[in-house]
Every structure is written in C-alpha cells, then in structure tokens.
Amino acid sequence: MKFEIKDRVSANKISEIRSKLKNFLLSNEIPEETASDIELVISEMLTNVYKHSYKEKEGEVIVKASIDGDELTISIRDFGEKFSPADIREPDPDFLADHGYGLYIASQIMDKIEYILSHETGTEVILKKLLKSNG
C-alpha cells in the first residue's frame, strides 16, 4: 500500500496535501485517532518546509507513504534550503511561544525520525510509526 504526491507546497496547499494523506491512512484501516495524529505531524512538517526551506514561497515537495505490515513510513522531500536538525532546540515549557513545536510534536507522535541531508538541495525527512495490530 503506497501513496505518493508531488505538488507545490504553499500556505493554501498544506491542508490539501495532509488531507489526501489522511484519506490514504483511513482507507488502509488506520484508526481515526492515529490518522489524525499523523495528519498533525504532516501539517507541522509541511509548514516547516514552506516557512524555512522555501522562505514562505511556493516550492516543490514530494510526500510518500507506505504501509508494510505494522510499520508506516512517510517521506517528505523538499528542494529548498537545507535544514540542519542539530540547530533546532526543544521548546522551553517555561516560555510559551506561538511557534517552534513542530519537530517536538513529531517526536512525540512518531516512533522514529531521520533526516537525509546528502541531497544536493533540500532535505528529506523520514517518519516511521509502528501501527498497533487489531487484536
């Protein structure tokens, strides 16, 4: 079971892309709560691509997802400015900011996050989630 979408990410397109991915998850019998959590992660990741990689301008993004047994793998690839995960600090709970929680949220929902920085341009984020079996 595979999903792939190539599109231009923009402030208006983020909700459309994440909805298409959520529909893929639901059509593959992923529970609503899990699909909604993953939809939130994808929204945060695409927002980061739009804001940081493309500096709030449209840019190409490729989102792939596959379900293999009880493992979901999602890849988000952009072709903008490279991203260094080492430069990101965890949010400070004593200082309530209105942004900067995307990677933290993703790390709480997903089981594994890896970054492929070897591309000539852009970044690829691989998100993995172990799915609970029904029974």
N, C-alpha and C. Protein backbone atom coordinates (compact mmCIF):
# COMPACT_ATOMS: atom_id res chain seq x y z
N MET A 1 0.83 -1.16 0.00
CA MET A 1 0.00 0.00 0.00
C MET A 1 0.88 1.24 0.00
N LYS A 2 0.81 1.97 -1.11
CA LYS A 2 1.70 3.12 -1.26
C LYS A 2 0.92 4.35 -1.66
N PHE A 3 1.48 5.48 -1.28
CA PHE A 3 0.90 6.79 -1.56
C PHE A 3 2.04 7.69 -2.01
N GLU A 4 1.80 8.51 -3.01
CA GLU A 4 2.80 9.50 -3.41
C GLU A 4 2.09 10.70 -4.00
N ILE A 5 2.55 11.85 -3.61
CA ILE A 5 2.03 13.09 -4.18
C ILE A 5 3.20 14.04 -4.40
N LYS A 6 3.25 14.60 -5.60
CA LYS A 6 4.22 15.65 -5.93
C LYS A 6 3.39 16.90 -6.14
N ASP A 7 3.73 17.95 -5.44
CA ASP A 7 2.93 19.17 -5.53
C ASP A 7 3.80 20.35 -5.15
N ARG A 8 3.23 21.53 -5.29
CA ARG A 8 3.90 22.75 -4.85
C ARG A 8 3.33 23.07 -3.48
N VAL A 9 4.18 23.18 -2.50
CA VAL A 9 3.72 23.50 -1.15
C VAL A 9 3.57 25.00 -1.03
N SER A 10 2.45 25.41 -0.45
CA SER A 10 2.17 26.81 -0.17
C SER A 10 1.28 26.83 1.06
N ALA A 11 1.04 27.99 1.59
CA ALA A 11 0.19 28.10 2.78
C ALA A 11 -1.18 27.49 2.50
N ASN A 12 -1.70 27.64 1.30
CA ASN A 12 -3.02 27.11 0.96
C ASN A 12 -3.01 25.62 0.65
N LYS A 13 -1.90 25.08 0.21
CA LYS A 13 -1.82 23.68 -0.22
C LYS A 13 -1.58 22.71 0.94
N ILE A 14 -1.07 23.19 2.06
CA ILE A 14 -0.71 22.29 3.16
C ILE A 14 -1.90 21.46 3.60
N SER A 15 -3.06 22.08 3.79
CA SER A 15 -4.23 21.33 4.27
C SER A 15 -4.69 20.31 3.23
N GLU A 16 -4.58 20.64 1.96
CA GLU A 16 -4.98 19.71 0.90
C GLU A 16 -4.07 18.47 0.89
N ILE A 17 -2.77 18.68 0.99
CA ILE A 17 -1.83 17.55 0.97
C ILE A 17 -2.03 16.67 2.19
N ARG A 18 -2.15 17.28 3.37
CA ARG A 18 -2.30 16.47 4.58
C ARG A 18 -3.63 15.71 4.57
N SER A 19 -4.69 16.30 4.00
CA SER A 19 -5.98 15.62 3.91
C SER A 19 -5.90 14.40 2.99
N LYS A 20 -5.19 14.54 1.88
CA LYS A 20 -5.02 13.40 0.97
C LYS A 20 -4.27 12.27 1.66
N LEU A 21 -3.25 12.61 2.43
CA LEU A 21 -2.52 11.57 3.16
C LEU A 21 -3.41 10.92 4.22
N LYS A 22 -4.18 11.73 4.94
CA LYS A 22 -5.08 11.16 5.95
C LYS A 22 -6.09 10.21 5.31
N ASN A 23 -6.63 10.58 4.15
CA ASN A 23 -7.56 9.70 3.45
C ASN A 23 -6.90 8.37 3.08
N PHE A 24 -5.63 8.42 2.66
CA PHE A 24 -4.89 7.20 2.38
C PHE A 24 -4.80 6.34 3.63
N LEU A 25 -4.47 6.95 4.76
CA LEU A 25 -4.35 6.21 6.02
C LEU A 25 -5.68 5.57 6.40
N LEU A 26 -6.75 6.35 6.34
CA LEU A 26 -8.07 5.83 6.71
C LEU A 26 -8.52 4.71 5.77
N SER A 27 -8.21 4.85 4.49
CA SER A 27 -8.60 3.82 3.52
C SER A 27 -7.81 2.52 3.73
N ASN A 28 -6.72 2.61 4.47
CA ASN A 28 -5.93 1.42 4.80
C ASN A 28 -6.14 0.98 6.24
N GLU A 29 -7.30 1.34 6.77
CA GLU A 29 -7.77 0.89 8.09
C GLU A 29 -6.90 1.36 9.26
N ILE A 30 -6.24 2.50 9.09
CA ILE A 30 -5.54 3.12 10.21
C ILE A 30 -6.63 3.79 11.06
N PRO A 31 -6.64 3.55 12.38
CA PRO A 31 -7.68 4.16 13.22
C PRO A 31 -7.70 5.69 13.10
N GLU A 32 -8.89 6.26 13.23
CA GLU A 32 -9.10 7.70 13.09
C GLU A 32 -8.16 8.51 13.99
N GLU A 33 -8.01 8.10 15.25
CA GLU A 33 -7.15 8.85 16.18
C GLU A 33 -5.70 8.85 15.71
N THR A 34 -5.20 7.70 15.28
CA THR A 34 -3.83 7.61 14.78
C THR A 34 -3.66 8.44 13.50
N ALA A 35 -4.64 8.32 12.59
CA ALA A 35 -4.58 9.08 11.33
C ALA A 35 -4.59 10.58 11.61
N SER A 36 -5.38 11.02 12.58
CA SER A 36 -5.43 12.45 12.93
C SER A 36 -4.12 12.92 13.53
N ASP A 37 -3.51 12.09 14.38
CA ASP A 37 -2.20 12.44 14.95
C ASP A 37 -1.16 12.59 13.84
N ILE A 38 -1.17 11.66 12.90
CA ILE A 38 -0.20 11.70 11.80
C ILE A 38 -0.48 12.89 10.89
N GLU A 39 -1.75 13.21 10.69
CA GLU A 39 -2.12 14.38 9.90
C GLU A 39 -1.53 15.65 10.54
N LEU A 40 -1.56 15.75 11.86
CA LEU A 40 -0.97 16.88 12.57
C LEU A 40 0.53 16.95 12.31
N VAL A 41 1.20 15.81 12.39
CA VAL A 41 2.64 15.77 12.14
C VAL A 41 2.95 16.25 10.72
N ILE A 42 2.20 15.76 9.74
CA ILE A 42 2.44 16.14 8.35
C ILE A 42 2.20 17.64 8.17
N SER A 43 1.17 18.15 8.81
CA SER A 43 0.91 19.59 8.74
C SER A 43 2.10 20.38 9.28
N GLU A 44 2.62 19.95 10.41
CA GLU A 44 3.78 20.64 11.01
C GLU A 44 5.01 20.54 10.11
N MET A 45 5.26 19.38 9.54
CA MET A 45 6.43 19.19 8.69
C MET A 45 6.31 20.02 7.41
N LEU A 46 5.13 20.03 6.80
CA LEU A 46 4.94 20.83 5.58
C LEU A 46 5.02 22.32 5.87
N THR A 47 4.53 22.73 7.03
CA THR A 47 4.65 24.14 7.43
C THR A 47 6.11 24.52 7.57
N ASN A 48 6.91 23.63 8.16
CA ASN A 48 8.35 23.88 8.28
C ASN A 48 9.01 24.01 6.91
N VAL A 49 8.63 23.14 5.98
CA VAL A 49 9.18 23.21 4.62
C VAL A 49 8.84 24.57 4.01
N TYR A 50 7.57 24.94 4.09
CA TYR A 50 7.12 26.20 3.49
C TYR A 50 7.82 27.41 4.12
N LYS A 51 7.87 27.44 5.45
CA LYS A 51 8.42 28.61 6.15
C LYS A 51 9.94 28.68 6.08
N HIS A 52 10.60 27.54 6.27
CA HIS A 52 12.06 27.57 6.43
C HIS A 52 12.82 27.20 5.16
N SER A 53 12.39 26.15 4.49
CA SER A 53 13.12 25.72 3.30
C SER A 53 12.85 26.64 2.11
N TYR A 54 11.57 27.05 1.97
CA TYR A 54 11.21 27.89 0.84
C TYR A 54 10.95 29.35 1.22
N LYS A 55 11.19 29.70 2.49
CA LYS A 55 11.08 31.10 2.94
C LYS A 55 9.72 31.72 2.57
N GLU A 56 8.66 30.94 2.81
CA GLU A 56 7.27 31.35 2.59
C GLU A 56 6.96 31.66 1.13
N LYS A 57 7.63 30.93 0.23
CA LYS A 57 7.32 30.98 -1.19
C LYS A 57 6.98 29.55 -1.62
N GLU A 58 6.24 29.40 -2.71
CA GLU A 58 5.90 28.07 -3.20
C GLU A 58 7.16 27.31 -3.58
N GLY A 59 7.13 26.00 -3.36
CA GLY A 59 8.23 25.15 -3.76
C GLY A 59 7.77 23.71 -3.85
N GLU A 60 8.50 22.92 -4.61
CA GLU A 60 8.12 21.53 -4.85
C GLU A 60 8.35 20.67 -3.61
N VAL A 61 7.41 19.77 -3.39
CA VAL A 61 7.52 18.82 -2.29
C VAL A 61 7.03 17.47 -2.80
N ILE A 62 7.66 16.42 -2.33
CA ILE A 62 7.23 15.06 -2.63
C ILE A 62 6.94 14.38 -1.30
N VAL A 63 5.71 13.90 -1.16
CA VAL A 63 5.30 13.18 0.04
C VAL A 63 4.98 11.76 -0.38
N LYS A 64 5.65 10.81 0.27
CA LYS A 64 5.41 9.39 0.00
C LYS A 64 5.05 8.72 1.32
N ALA A 65 4.20 7.73 1.22
CA ALA A 65 3.85 6.94 2.40
C ALA A 65 3.70 5.49 1.97
N SER A 66 4.10 4.59 2.84
CA SER A 66 3.90 3.17 2.58
C SER A 66 3.60 2.47 3.89
N ILE A 67 2.79 1.45 3.79
CA ILE A 67 2.48 0.61 4.94
C ILE A 67 2.99 -0.78 4.61
N ASP A 68 3.88 -1.25 5.46
CA ASP A 68 4.47 -2.58 5.29
C ASP A 68 4.24 -3.34 6.59
N GLY A 69 3.27 -4.22 6.58
CA GLY A 69 2.93 -4.94 7.81
C GLY A 69 2.39 -3.96 8.83
N ASP A 70 3.08 -3.86 9.96
CA ASP A 70 2.62 -2.94 11.00
C ASP A 70 3.48 -1.69 11.09
N GLU A 71 4.19 -1.35 10.01
CA GLU A 71 5.02 -0.15 10.01
C GLU A 71 4.59 0.81 8.91
N LEU A 72 4.36 2.06 9.31
CA LEU A 72 4.06 3.14 8.38
C LEU A 72 5.33 3.97 8.22
N THR A 73 5.70 4.23 6.97
CA THR A 73 6.84 5.09 6.67
C THR A 73 6.35 6.23 5.79
N ILE A 74 6.70 7.44 6.19
CA ILE A 74 6.34 8.64 5.43
C ILE A 74 7.63 9.40 5.13
N SER A 75 7.78 9.81 3.89
CA SER A 75 8.94 10.60 3.46
C SER A 75 8.43 11.93 2.95
N ILE A 76 9.06 13.01 3.40
CA ILE A 76 8.75 14.35 2.91
C ILE A 76 10.06 14.94 2.38
N ARG A 77 10.08 15.21 1.09
CA ARG A 77 11.30 15.72 0.44
C ARG A 77 11.02 17.08 -0.15
N ASP A 78 11.91 18.01 0.13
CA ASP A 78 11.82 19.33 -0.50
C ASP A 78 13.13 19.61 -1.23
N PHE A 79 13.15 20.68 -1.98
CA PHE A 79 14.30 21.03 -2.80
C PHE A 79 14.77 22.44 -2.53
N GLY A 80 14.43 22.95 -1.35
CA GLY A 80 14.80 24.31 -0.98
C GLY A 80 16.08 24.34 -0.17
N GLU A 81 16.14 25.31 0.72
CA GLU A 81 17.31 25.48 1.58
C GLU A 81 17.44 24.28 2.52
N LYS A 82 18.67 23.80 2.67
CA LYS A 82 18.90 22.64 3.55
C LYS A 82 18.55 22.97 4.99
N PHE A 83 18.17 21.93 5.71
CA PHE A 83 17.76 22.04 7.10
C PHE A 83 18.71 21.21 7.96
N SER A 84 19.15 21.74 9.07
CA SER A 84 20.03 21.01 9.97
C SER A 84 19.29 20.76 11.29
N PRO A 85 18.90 19.51 11.55
CA PRO A 85 18.18 19.21 12.79
C PRO A 85 19.00 19.52 14.04
N ALA A 86 20.31 19.53 13.92
CA ALA A 86 21.16 19.82 15.08
C ALA A 86 21.00 21.26 15.56
N ASP A 87 20.52 22.14 14.67
CA ASP A 87 20.35 23.55 15.04
C ASP A 87 19.05 23.84 15.77
N ILE A 88 18.18 22.85 15.88
CA ILE A 88 16.87 23.07 16.48
C ILE A 88 16.90 22.68 17.95
N ARG A 89 16.42 23.59 18.78
CA ARG A 89 16.33 23.33 20.22
C ARG A 89 14.91 22.91 20.57
N GLU A 90 14.79 22.05 21.58
CA GLU A 90 13.48 21.66 22.06
C GLU A 90 12.80 22.88 22.67
N PRO A 91 11.46 22.98 22.53
CA PRO A 91 10.79 24.15 23.10
C PRO A 91 10.92 24.20 24.62
N ASP A 92 11.01 25.41 25.14
CA ASP A 92 11.12 25.63 26.58
C ASP A 92 9.72 25.76 27.17
N PRO A 93 9.31 24.82 28.06
CA PRO A 93 7.95 24.88 28.60
C PRO A 93 7.70 26.13 29.47
N ASP A 94 8.75 26.78 29.92
CA ASP A 94 8.59 28.00 30.73
C ASP A 94 8.36 29.24 29.87
N PHE A 95 8.56 29.09 28.57
CA PHE A 95 8.38 30.20 27.65
C PHE A 95 7.41 29.77 26.56
N LEU A 96 6.18 30.25 26.62
CA LEU A 96 5.16 29.83 25.67
C LEU A 96 5.28 30.64 24.39
N ALA A 97 5.82 30.00 23.38
CA ALA A 97 5.94 30.63 22.07
C ALA A 97 4.78 30.18 21.20
N ASP A 98 4.49 30.94 20.16
CA ASP A 98 3.41 30.55 19.25
C ASP A 98 3.93 29.74 18.07
N HIS A 99 5.19 29.35 18.10
CA HIS A 99 5.76 28.52 17.04
C HIS A 99 6.94 27.74 17.62
N GLY A 100 7.49 26.82 16.81
CA GLY A 100 8.67 26.08 17.24
C GLY A 100 8.38 24.73 17.87
N TYR A 101 7.14 24.26 17.73
CA TYR A 101 6.77 22.99 18.36
C TYR A 101 6.68 21.83 17.36
N GLY A 102 6.82 22.10 16.07
CA GLY A 102 6.61 21.08 15.04
C GLY A 102 7.42 19.82 15.21
N LEU A 103 8.74 19.98 15.35
CA LEU A 103 9.59 18.79 15.48
C LEU A 103 9.36 18.09 16.81
N TYR A 104 9.06 18.86 17.85
CA TYR A 104 8.77 18.27 19.15
C TYR A 104 7.49 17.43 19.06
N ILE A 105 6.45 17.98 18.44
CA ILE A 105 5.20 17.24 18.27
C ILE A 105 5.45 15.96 17.48
N ALA A 106 6.19 16.08 16.40
CA ALA A 106 6.50 14.90 15.57
C ALA A 106 7.24 13.84 16.38
N SER A 107 8.17 14.26 17.22
CA SER A 107 8.95 13.29 18.01
C SER A 107 8.09 12.59 19.06
N GLN A 108 7.00 13.23 19.47
CA GLN A 108 6.12 12.63 20.46
C GLN A 108 5.14 11.64 19.82
N ILE A 109 4.80 11.86 18.55
CA ILE A 109 3.80 11.02 17.87
C ILE A 109 4.46 9.88 17.09
N MET A 110 5.55 10.17 16.42
CA MET A 110 6.20 9.17 15.58
C MET A 110 7.21 8.38 16.40
N ASP A 111 7.51 7.17 15.95
CA ASP A 111 8.47 6.32 16.66
C ASP A 111 9.91 6.58 16.25
N LYS A 112 10.10 7.06 15.03
CA LYS A 112 11.46 7.31 14.55
C LYS A 112 11.41 8.43 13.52
N ILE A 113 12.39 9.33 13.61
CA ILE A 113 12.53 10.41 12.62
C ILE A 113 13.98 10.43 12.19
N GLU A 114 14.19 10.38 10.88
CA GLU A 114 15.56 10.51 10.38
C GLU A 114 15.59 11.54 9.26
N TYR A 115 16.75 12.13 9.09
CA TYR A 115 16.92 13.19 8.11
C TYR A 115 17.97 12.76 7.11
N ILE A 116 17.66 12.94 5.84
CA ILE A 116 18.63 12.68 4.78
C ILE A 116 19.09 14.05 4.28
N LEU A 117 20.32 14.36 4.60
CA LEU A 117 20.88 15.68 4.27
C LEU A 117 21.86 15.60 3.11
N SER A 118 22.02 14.41 2.51
CA SER A 118 23.01 14.22 1.47
C SER A 118 22.55 14.67 0.09
N HIS A 119 21.28 15.04 -0.04
CA HIS A 119 20.81 15.54 -1.33
C HIS A 119 21.52 16.86 -1.64
N GLU A 120 21.68 17.12 -2.93
CA GLU A 120 22.36 18.36 -3.32
C GLU A 120 21.59 19.59 -2.84
N THR A 121 20.27 19.53 -2.92
CA THR A 121 19.43 20.60 -2.40
C THR A 121 18.36 20.00 -1.51
N GLY A 122 17.87 20.80 -0.62
CA GLY A 122 16.74 20.39 0.21
C GLY A 122 17.06 19.33 1.23
N THR A 123 16.00 18.83 1.81
CA THR A 123 16.08 17.88 2.91
C THR A 123 15.00 16.84 2.71
N GLU A 124 15.28 15.64 3.18
CA GLU A 124 14.25 14.59 3.21
C GLU A 124 14.11 14.14 4.65
N VAL A 125 12.87 14.13 5.11
CA VAL A 125 12.56 13.68 6.46
C VAL A 125 11.81 12.36 6.33
N ILE A 126 12.29 11.34 7.04
CA ILE A 126 11.65 10.03 7.05
C ILE A 126 11.02 9.86 8.43
N LEU A 127 9.72 9.64 8.44
CA LEU A 127 8.96 9.46 9.68
C LEU A 127 8.45 8.02 9.72
N LYS A 128 8.65 7.35 10.85
CA LYS A 128 8.18 5.97 10.98
C LYS A 128 7.28 5.84 12.19
N LYS A 129 6.25 5.01 12.02
CA LYS A 129 5.29 4.77 13.11
C LYS A 129 4.94 3.29 13.09
N LEU A 130 5.08 2.66 14.26
CA LEU A 130 4.62 1.29 14.40
C LEU A 130 3.12 1.32 14.67
N LEU A 131 2.39 0.57 13.89
CA LEU A 131 0.94 0.55 14.00
C LEU A 131 0.54 -0.62 14.88
N LYS A 132 -0.40 -0.35 15.77
CA LYS A 132 -0.89 -1.41 16.62
C LYS A 132 -1.78 -2.33 15.81
N SER A 133 -1.56 -3.62 15.96
CA SER A 133 -2.41 -4.57 15.23
C SER A 133 -3.76 -4.69 15.93
N ASN A 134 -4.77 -5.00 15.18
CA ASN A 134 -6.13 -5.12 15.72
C ASN A 134 -6.32 -6.50 16.34
N GLY A 135 -5.91 -6.67 17.57
CA GLY A 135 -6.15 -7.95 18.20
C GLY A 135 -5.07 -8.39 18.98
